[in-house]
């Protein structure tokens, strides 16, 4: 299976568009390519991908390479679902505040807008950001920077205004 078949199926499950009523395969393929472009810029991957958002195409194919790049595939699909949610929120924002009256019957769409805001705050966009942070902190290149051997016993930033340096043993005696 090619990336577009596998990833389109995964995306359809996330956005609940099993029958293809809301989005065509071509539209989802285009969204996935744009999403892949964002993911390629957001995280540092082991594999370099060439992404063409016009055609759309991703090469090498992350679903047929050996081993399959599950990290990239999952990030791209999650980011695409986030983009679709943001588009739905944008459409809902245009219709928010709409009020229609027909005699005594009134239809308002303000409550619908609140639901889309919750989707963005707690849905796929939030999940993507949390997953991205977990991946970044799990990446060894970042850990090497955080866990560096730099230690300076004589410099304390909070005391930098006047002296900047102090005797550690005197400071420990005052704390006890």
Protein backbone atom coordinates (compact mmCIF):
# COMPACT_ATOMS: atom_id res chain seq x y z
CA UNK A 1 0.00 0.00 0.00
CA UNK A 2 1.17 3.52 -0.74
CA UNK A 3 1.30 6.33 1.79
CA UNK A 4 -1.82 7.97 0.41
CA UNK A 5 -3.94 4.83 0.82
CA UNK A 6 -2.79 4.01 4.35
CA UNK A 7 -2.74 7.55 5.68
CA UNK A 8 -6.05 8.51 4.09
CA UNK A 9 -7.69 5.52 5.79
CA UNK A 10 -6.17 6.50 9.14
CA UNK A 11 -7.28 10.12 8.70
CA UNK A 12 -10.82 9.12 7.74
CA UNK A 13 -11.11 7.18 10.99
CA UNK A 14 -9.97 10.17 13.04
CA UNK A 15 -12.31 12.66 11.36
CA UNK A 16 -15.24 10.20 11.23
CA UNK A 17 -15.60 10.41 7.44
CA UNK A 18 -15.74 6.69 6.69
CA UNK A 19 -17.86 6.96 3.54
CA UNK A 20 -16.03 9.92 2.03
CA UNK A 21 -19.05 12.20 2.27
CA UNK A 22 -17.21 15.23 3.66
CA UNK A 23 -13.81 14.91 1.95
CA UNK A 24 -12.66 13.32 -1.30
CA UNK A 25 -9.51 11.19 -1.39
CA UNK A 26 -7.77 13.88 -3.46
CA UNK A 27 -8.57 16.57 -0.86
CA UNK A 28 -7.33 14.38 2.01
CA UNK A 29 -4.17 13.54 0.06
CA UNK A 30 -3.52 17.27 -0.35
CA UNK A 31 -4.16 17.92 3.37
CA UNK A 32 -1.80 15.08 4.30
CA UNK A 33 0.97 16.50 2.08
CA UNK A 34 0.63 19.96 3.65
CA UNK A 35 0.56 18.34 7.08
CA UNK A 36 3.73 16.38 6.22
CA UNK A 37 5.43 19.65 5.31
CA UNK A 38 4.58 21.08 8.74
CA UNK A 39 5.67 17.92 10.55
CA UNK A 40 8.96 17.89 8.66
CA UNK A 41 9.60 21.42 9.96
CA UNK A 42 8.29 20.74 13.50
CA UNK A 43 10.32 17.69 14.50
CA UNK A 44 13.73 16.24 13.77
CA UNK A 45 13.29 12.93 11.98
CA UNK A 46 15.72 10.11 11.28
CA UNK A 47 14.61 10.00 7.65
CA UNK A 48 14.69 12.96 5.26
CA UNK A 49 11.51 13.32 3.19
CA UNK A 50 10.85 15.20 -0.01
CA UNK A 51 7.37 16.65 0.15
CA UNK A 52 5.52 18.13 -2.80
CA UNK A 53 2.31 19.85 -1.76
CA UNK A 54 1.32 20.66 -5.35
CA UNK A 55 1.37 17.12 -6.80
CA UNK A 56 0.89 15.99 -3.76
CA UNK A 57 3.64 13.47 -2.98
CA UNK A 58 5.83 12.26 -0.12
CA UNK A 59 9.02 10.40 -0.94
CA UNK A 60 10.35 8.05 0.13
CA UNK A 61 7.05 6.45 1.03
CA UNK A 62 6.95 6.26 4.86
CA UNK A 63 4.50 3.35 4.82
CA UNK A 64 6.49 1.03 2.55
CA UNK A 65 10.04 1.78 3.66
CA UNK A 66 11.80 -0.75 5.83
CA UNK A 67 11.20 -0.21 8.67
CA UNK A 68 7.92 1.65 8.37
CA UNK A 69 8.27 5.17 9.79
CA UNK A 70 5.35 4.97 12.22
CA UNK A 71 6.44 8.14 14.02
CA UNK A 72 6.25 10.25 10.87
CA UNK A 73 2.98 8.63 9.72
CA UNK A 74 1.28 9.18 13.08
CA UNK A 75 2.48 12.77 13.36
CA UNK A 76 1.30 13.59 9.83
CA UNK A 77 -2.15 12.04 10.30
CA UNK A 78 -2.62 13.73 13.68
CA UNK A 79 -1.52 17.10 12.27
CA UNK A 80 -3.90 16.67 9.33
CA UNK A 81 -6.80 15.96 11.71
CA UNK A 82 -5.86 19.11 13.61
CA UNK A 83 -5.90 21.13 10.39
CA UNK A 84 -9.35 19.78 9.52
CA UNK A 85 -10.62 20.70 13.01
CA UNK A 86 -9.22 24.21 12.60
CA UNK A 87 -11.01 24.52 9.26
CA UNK A 88 -14.26 23.39 10.86
CA UNK A 89 -13.76 25.93 13.63
CA UNK A 90 -13.20 28.67 11.04
CA UNK A 91 -16.44 27.77 9.27
CA UNK A 92 -18.29 27.64 12.59
CA UNK A 93 -16.90 31.06 13.50
CA UNK A 94 -18.41 32.53 10.33
CA UNK A 95 -21.79 31.06 11.19
CA UNK A 96 -21.60 31.83 14.93
CA UNK A 97 -24.07 34.32 16.17
CA UNK A 98 -26.40 33.44 13.33
CA UNK A 99 -30.02 33.66 14.36
CA UNK A 100 -32.93 32.63 12.19
CA UNK A 101 -36.59 33.24 13.06
CA UNK A 102 -39.62 31.70 11.54
CA UNK A 103 -42.64 32.81 13.51
CA UNK A 104 -42.17 31.78 17.14
CA UNK A 105 -39.28 29.41 16.30
CA UNK A 106 -35.72 30.67 16.78
CA UNK A 107 -32.51 28.90 15.71
CA UNK A 108 -29.17 30.05 17.17
CA UNK A 109 -25.71 28.64 16.42
CA UNK A 110 -23.71 30.24 19.24
CA UNK A 111 -23.56 27.03 21.33
CA UNK A 112 -22.17 25.11 18.36
CA UNK A 113 -19.18 27.45 18.27
CA UNK A 114 -18.28 26.64 21.89
CA UNK A 115 -18.07 22.95 21.00
CA UNK A 116 -15.54 23.61 18.24
CA UNK A 117 -13.43 25.68 20.64
CA UNK A 118 -13.33 22.71 23.00
CA UNK A 119 -12.25 20.46 20.12
CA UNK A 120 -9.29 22.72 19.39
CA UNK A 121 -8.32 23.05 23.07
CA UNK A 122 -8.60 19.35 23.89
CA UNK A 123 -8.70 17.57 20.55
CA UNK A 124 -6.21 16.62 17.87
CA UNK A 125 -4.34 19.94 17.95
CA UNK A 126 -3.63 19.62 21.65
CA UNK A 127 -2.70 15.95 21.24
CA UNK A 128 -0.32 16.83 18.40
CA UNK A 129 1.42 19.50 20.49
CA UNK A 130 1.75 17.19 23.51
CA UNK A 131 3.09 14.36 21.35
CA UNK A 132 5.55 16.75 19.71
CA UNK A 133 6.87 17.85 23.11
CA UNK A 134 7.18 14.26 24.30
CA UNK A 135 9.06 13.35 21.13
CA UNK A 136 11.37 16.35 21.46
CA UNK A 137 12.23 15.53 25.06
CA UNK A 138 12.70 11.86 24.20
CA UNK A 139 15.05 12.76 21.38
CA UNK A 140 18.66 12.17 22.47
CA UNK A 141 19.96 15.33 20.80
CA UNK A 142 17.82 17.47 23.11
CA UNK A 143 18.66 15.45 26.22
CA UNK A 144 22.38 15.95 25.62
CA UNK A 145 21.82 19.69 25.72
CA UNK A 146 19.71 19.58 28.86
CA UNK A 147 21.91 17.13 30.76
CA UNK A 148 25.20 18.82 30.01
CA UNK A 149 28.08 18.53 32.50
CA UNK A 150 28.18 22.32 33.07
CA UNK A 151 28.25 23.05 36.79
CA UNK A 152 29.49 26.23 38.39
CA UNK A 153 29.53 26.36 42.18
CA UNK A 154 30.41 30.03 42.46
CA UNK A 155 27.79 31.67 40.25
CA UNK A 156 24.18 32.14 41.35
CA UNK A 157 21.99 34.15 38.94
CA UNK A 158 19.73 35.47 41.73
CA UNK A 159 22.72 37.19 43.38
CA UNK A 160 24.15 38.50 40.13
CA UNK A 161 22.91 42.07 40.65
CA UNK A 162 25.49 43.07 43.28
CA UNK A 163 28.16 40.44 43.76
CA UNK A 164 27.40 37.61 41.35
CA UNK A 165 29.79 35.28 43.14
CA UNK A 166 29.74 33.91 46.62
CA UNK A 167 31.25 31.18 48.74
CA UNK A 168 29.13 28.02 48.56
CA UNK A 169 30.16 26.79 52.01
CA UNK A 170 29.05 30.09 53.62
CA UNK A 171 25.73 29.91 51.81
CA UNK A 172 25.13 26.35 53.01
CA UNK A 173 25.84 27.39 56.63
CA UNK A 174 23.27 30.17 56.42
CA UNK A 175 20.64 27.81 55.00
CA UNK A 176 21.07 25.34 57.87
